[in-house]
Structures are given as structure tokens and as C-alpha cells.
Amino acid sequence: MEGITRLLSRVNAKPYRGRDVRYDGAPFLNDKGQVDFAPGDVENPRNWSTGRRAFVSIAAIMLLTNATFASSSPSGTFKVGNGFPPADRL
């Protein structure tokens, strides 16, 4: 059981370790004066590994698919057409 717990504890969606995050309190401003990611920032999605990007993309697609199905699945249970005349009589 300890082996499974250790294996599952390694699976996480963090692109960095907590000790790698440095926060100096001031936001980084780019050349245009806009708030931006600092160079080499581990929280910048452009600095993520391919595996991390794939994991986040697949998780987002699965959540979207689940929400879409969950909101449309009850519609098949309603009997809306019973109160209307058949389509051949206009």
C-alpha cells in the first residue's frame, strides 16, 4: 500500500516545486509598461514542459465534455412533442 501511495503522490499538476518560486513583491513590467511574466518564470505557460501542457489541455477538454453532456443529457427525458400536431398536417 505504501508503494501505491508513493506512486500516486508523485502525480500532480505542478510545473514546479514550491521552493523554486521566488516572489519579490513587485510585479514585473515589460518594455511597454504592462504587467507580464518575468523572464524564466516557472508559472508562465510558455515555460511549461510538453507533458504539462498536454495534461492541462486534456483535463480542460474532459471537463468541458463532461459539462456539455451533463447539461444536455436530461433533455432526452422530456416529452415535448406530445402536445403538438404531427408534421404532415400544416
N, C-alpha and C. Protein backbone atom coordinates (compact mmCIF):
# COMPACT_ATOMS: atom_id res chain seq x y z
N MET A 1 0.82 -1.20 0.00
CA MET A 1 0.00 0.00 0.00
C MET A 1 0.86 1.25 0.00
N GLU A 2 2.00 1.19 0.66
CA GLU A 2 2.88 2.36 0.71
C GLU A 2 3.43 2.70 -0.67
N GLY A 3 3.70 1.66 -1.46
CA GLY A 3 4.20 1.88 -2.81
C GLY A 3 3.19 2.60 -3.69
N ILE A 4 1.92 2.21 -3.57
CA ILE A 4 0.86 2.86 -4.35
C ILE A 4 0.69 4.31 -3.90
N THR A 5 0.72 4.52 -2.60
CA THR A 5 0.59 5.88 -2.08
C THR A 5 1.73 6.76 -2.57
N ARG A 6 2.93 6.22 -2.57
CA ARG A 6 4.08 6.99 -3.04
C ARG A 6 3.97 7.28 -4.53
N LEU A 7 3.51 6.30 -5.30
CA LEU A 7 3.36 6.48 -6.74
C LEU A 7 2.29 7.54 -7.05
N LEU A 8 1.15 7.46 -6.38
CA LEU A 8 0.08 8.41 -6.63
C LEU A 8 0.42 9.81 -6.13
N SER A 9 1.25 9.92 -5.13
CA SER A 9 1.61 11.24 -4.63
C SER A 9 2.53 11.97 -5.59
N ARG A 10 3.18 11.26 -6.49
CA ARG A 10 4.04 11.92 -7.48
C ARG A 10 3.25 12.52 -8.62
N VAL A 11 2.05 12.03 -8.83
CA VAL A 11 1.23 12.55 -9.92
C VAL A 11 0.57 13.83 -9.44
N ASN A 12 1.05 14.92 -9.94
CA ASN A 12 0.45 16.21 -9.63
C ASN A 12 0.60 17.12 -10.82
N ALA A 13 -0.12 18.20 -10.81
CA ALA A 13 -0.14 19.10 -11.95
C ALA A 13 0.76 20.31 -11.75
N LYS A 14 1.67 20.23 -10.82
CA LYS A 14 2.55 21.37 -10.57
C LYS A 14 3.70 21.38 -11.58
N PRO A 15 3.92 22.50 -12.22
CA PRO A 15 5.07 22.57 -13.13
C PRO A 15 6.36 22.90 -12.39
N TYR A 16 6.30 23.07 -11.08
CA TYR A 16 7.46 23.50 -10.31
C TYR A 16 7.34 23.00 -8.88
N ARG A 17 8.40 23.09 -8.18
CA ARG A 17 8.39 22.80 -6.75
C ARG A 17 8.20 24.12 -6.01
N GLY A 18 7.64 24.07 -4.85
CA GLY A 18 7.37 25.29 -4.07
C GLY A 18 8.62 26.09 -3.77
N ARG A 19 9.74 25.42 -3.63
CA ARG A 19 10.97 26.14 -3.30
C ARG A 19 11.53 26.91 -4.50
N ASP A 20 11.06 26.59 -5.73
CA ASP A 20 11.55 27.26 -6.92
C ASP A 20 10.86 28.59 -7.19
N VAL A 21 9.75 28.86 -6.51
CA VAL A 21 9.00 30.09 -6.75
C VAL A 21 9.62 31.22 -5.93
N ARG A 22 9.95 32.27 -6.65
CA ARG A 22 10.51 33.45 -5.99
C ARG A 22 9.54 34.61 -6.18
N TYR A 23 9.19 35.27 -5.11
CA TYR A 23 8.28 36.40 -5.17
C TYR A 23 8.93 37.56 -4.45
N ASP A 24 9.18 38.63 -5.19
CA ASP A 24 9.84 39.79 -4.57
C ASP A 24 8.84 40.88 -4.20
N GLY A 25 7.55 40.66 -4.48
CA GLY A 25 6.54 41.63 -4.06
C GLY A 25 6.16 42.62 -5.14
N ALA A 26 7.04 42.92 -6.07
CA ALA A 26 6.74 43.88 -7.12
C ALA A 26 6.40 43.13 -8.41
N PRO A 27 5.35 43.54 -9.11
CA PRO A 27 5.04 42.87 -10.38
C PRO A 27 6.06 43.22 -11.45
N PHE A 28 6.26 42.30 -12.37
CA PHE A 28 7.21 42.52 -13.47
C PHE A 28 6.52 43.32 -14.56
N LEU A 29 7.14 44.38 -15.03
CA LEU A 29 6.61 45.18 -16.12
C LEU A 29 7.48 44.98 -17.35
N ASN A 30 6.84 44.77 -18.50
CA ASN A 30 7.61 44.58 -19.72
C ASN A 30 8.01 45.95 -20.31
N ASP A 31 8.53 45.95 -21.53
CA ASP A 31 9.02 47.19 -22.15
C ASP A 31 7.91 48.20 -22.39
N LYS A 32 6.68 47.73 -22.56
CA LYS A 32 5.55 48.62 -22.82
C LYS A 32 4.91 49.11 -21.53
N GLY A 33 5.41 48.66 -20.38
CA GLY A 33 4.86 49.06 -19.09
C GLY A 33 3.68 48.23 -18.65
N GLN A 34 3.46 47.08 -19.29
CA GLN A 34 2.35 46.20 -18.94
C GLN A 34 2.83 45.10 -18.02
N VAL A 35 1.95 44.65 -17.14
CA VAL A 35 2.29 43.55 -16.24
C VAL A 35 2.47 42.28 -17.08
N ASP A 36 3.56 41.56 -16.83
CA ASP A 36 3.89 40.40 -17.64
C ASP A 36 4.60 39.38 -16.76
N PHE A 37 4.85 38.19 -17.32
CA PHE A 37 5.65 37.19 -16.62
C PHE A 37 7.11 37.61 -16.68
N ALA A 38 7.82 37.39 -15.61
CA ALA A 38 9.25 37.68 -15.59
C ALA A 38 9.98 36.66 -16.47
N PRO A 39 11.12 37.00 -17.02
CA PRO A 39 11.88 36.02 -17.82
C PRO A 39 12.24 34.80 -16.97
N GLY A 40 11.99 33.62 -17.51
CA GLY A 40 12.29 32.38 -16.79
C GLY A 40 11.31 32.04 -15.69
N ASP A 41 10.15 32.69 -15.64
CA ASP A 41 9.16 32.43 -14.60
C ASP A 41 8.58 31.03 -14.78
N VAL A 42 8.58 30.22 -13.74
CA VAL A 42 8.10 28.85 -13.83
C VAL A 42 6.58 28.78 -13.94
N GLU A 43 5.88 29.85 -13.61
CA GLU A 43 4.42 29.86 -13.71
C GLU A 43 3.94 30.31 -15.09
N ASN A 44 4.83 30.72 -15.96
CA ASN A 44 4.48 31.12 -17.31
C ASN A 44 4.17 29.87 -18.13
N PRO A 45 2.98 29.78 -18.74
CA PRO A 45 2.64 28.57 -19.51
C PRO A 45 3.59 28.31 -20.68
N ARG A 46 4.26 29.31 -21.18
CA ARG A 46 5.21 29.10 -22.28
C ARG A 46 6.47 28.39 -21.80
N ASN A 47 6.70 28.35 -20.52
CA ASN A 47 7.87 27.67 -19.97
C ASN A 47 7.54 26.26 -19.49
N TRP A 48 6.31 25.83 -19.63
CA TRP A 48 5.91 24.50 -19.18
C TRP A 48 6.44 23.44 -20.12
N SER A 49 6.59 22.24 -19.61
CA SER A 49 7.02 21.11 -20.44
C SER A 49 5.86 20.66 -21.33
N THR A 50 6.17 19.87 -22.33
CA THR A 50 5.15 19.36 -23.24
C THR A 50 4.15 18.47 -22.50
N GLY A 51 4.65 17.66 -21.58
CA GLY A 51 3.76 16.80 -20.79
C GLY A 51 2.80 17.59 -19.94
N ARG A 52 3.28 18.66 -19.35
CA ARG A 52 2.42 19.52 -18.52
C ARG A 52 1.35 20.18 -19.39
N ARG A 53 1.74 20.67 -20.55
CA ARG A 53 0.77 21.31 -21.45
C ARG A 53 -0.28 20.29 -21.90
N ALA A 54 0.15 19.08 -22.22
CA ALA A 54 -0.79 18.05 -22.65
C ALA A 54 -1.75 17.69 -21.52
N PHE A 55 -1.23 17.56 -20.31
CA PHE A 55 -2.08 17.22 -19.16
C PHE A 55 -3.14 18.30 -18.94
N VAL A 56 -2.75 19.56 -18.96
CA VAL A 56 -3.70 20.64 -18.73
C VAL A 56 -4.73 20.70 -19.86
N SER A 57 -4.29 20.50 -21.10
CA SER A 57 -5.22 20.53 -22.23
C SER A 57 -6.22 19.39 -22.15
N ILE A 58 -5.76 18.18 -21.86
CA ILE A 58 -6.66 17.03 -21.77
C ILE A 58 -7.63 17.19 -20.60
N ALA A 59 -7.16 17.70 -19.48
CA ALA A 59 -8.04 17.92 -18.33
C ALA A 59 -9.12 18.95 -18.67
N ALA A 60 -8.76 20.02 -19.36
CA ALA A 60 -9.75 21.04 -19.74
C ALA A 60 -10.76 20.48 -20.73
N ILE A 61 -10.30 19.68 -21.69
CA ILE A 61 -11.22 19.09 -22.68
C ILE A 61 -12.18 18.12 -21.99
N MET A 62 -11.69 17.33 -21.05
CA MET A 62 -12.56 16.39 -20.35
C MET A 62 -13.60 17.12 -19.50
N LEU A 63 -13.20 18.19 -18.84
CA LEU A 63 -14.15 18.97 -18.04
C LEU A 63 -15.22 19.61 -18.91
N LEU A 64 -14.81 20.13 -20.06
CA LEU A 64 -15.76 20.74 -20.98
C LEU A 64 -16.73 19.71 -21.54
N THR A 65 -16.22 18.55 -21.91
CA THR A 65 -17.08 17.49 -22.43
C THR A 65 -18.06 17.02 -21.36
N ASN A 66 -17.60 16.89 -20.14
CA ASN A 66 -18.46 16.46 -19.04
C ASN A 66 -19.56 17.49 -18.80
N ALA A 67 -19.21 18.77 -18.79
CA ALA A 67 -20.21 19.81 -18.54
C ALA A 67 -21.23 19.87 -19.67
N THR A 68 -20.77 19.71 -20.90
CA THR A 68 -21.68 19.73 -22.04
C THR A 68 -22.66 18.57 -21.98
N PHE A 69 -22.15 17.38 -21.70
CA PHE A 69 -23.02 16.22 -21.62
C PHE A 69 -23.98 16.33 -20.44
N ALA A 70 -23.47 16.79 -19.31
CA ALA A 70 -24.32 16.88 -18.11
C ALA A 70 -25.45 17.88 -18.29
N SER A 71 -25.21 18.94 -19.06
CA SER A 71 -26.27 19.92 -19.25
C SER A 71 -27.28 19.51 -20.32
N SER A 72 -26.88 18.61 -21.23
CA SER A 72 -27.80 18.23 -22.30
C SER A 72 -28.44 16.86 -22.09
N SER A 73 -27.94 16.05 -21.21
CA SER A 73 -28.48 14.69 -21.05
C SER A 73 -29.92 14.65 -20.55
N PRO A 74 -30.37 15.55 -19.69
CA PRO A 74 -31.77 15.47 -19.27
C PRO A 74 -32.76 15.83 -20.37
N SER A 75 -32.32 16.47 -21.45
CA SER A 75 -33.25 16.90 -22.49
C SER A 75 -33.91 15.73 -23.19
N GLY A 76 -33.31 14.57 -23.19
CA GLY A 76 -33.92 13.40 -23.82
C GLY A 76 -35.07 12.82 -23.01
N THR A 77 -35.26 13.23 -21.80
CA THR A 77 -36.30 12.67 -20.95
C THR A 77 -37.62 13.43 -21.05
N PHE A 78 -37.60 14.63 -21.63
CA PHE A 78 -38.82 15.43 -21.73
C PHE A 78 -39.63 15.00 -22.96
N LYS A 79 -40.92 14.90 -22.79
CA LYS A 79 -41.79 14.55 -23.90
C LYS A 79 -42.49 15.81 -24.39
N VAL A 80 -41.76 16.63 -25.12
CA VAL A 80 -42.25 17.92 -25.57
C VAL A 80 -43.18 17.77 -26.76
N GLY A 81 -42.90 16.83 -27.65
CA GLY A 81 -43.65 16.72 -28.89
C GLY A 81 -45.07 16.20 -28.75
N ASN A 82 -45.50 15.73 -27.62
CA ASN A 82 -46.83 15.15 -27.47
C ASN A 82 -47.94 16.19 -27.61
N GLY A 83 -47.69 17.42 -27.30
CA GLY A 83 -48.72 18.45 -27.35
C GLY A 83 -48.86 19.10 -28.71
N PHE A 84 -48.04 18.74 -29.67
CA PHE A 84 -48.07 19.36 -31.00
C PHE A 84 -48.67 18.40 -32.01
N PRO A 85 -49.28 18.96 -33.08
CA PRO A 85 -49.84 18.07 -34.11
C PRO A 85 -48.72 17.45 -34.92
N PRO A 86 -49.01 16.35 -35.63
CA PRO A 86 -47.99 15.72 -36.47
C PRO A 86 -47.50 16.68 -37.56
N ALA A 87 -46.30 16.48 -38.04
CA ALA A 87 -45.68 17.38 -39.00
C ALA A 87 -46.33 17.34 -40.37
N ASP A 88 -47.05 16.26 -40.71
CA ASP A 88 -47.65 16.19 -42.05
C ASP A 88 -48.91 17.04 -42.17
N ARG A 89 -49.49 17.46 -41.07
CA ARG A 89 -50.68 18.34 -41.11
C ARG A 89 -50.23 19.75 -40.82
N LEU A 90 -50.31 20.62 -41.80
CA LEU A 90 -49.94 22.03 -41.61
C LEU A 90 -51.12 22.92 -41.67
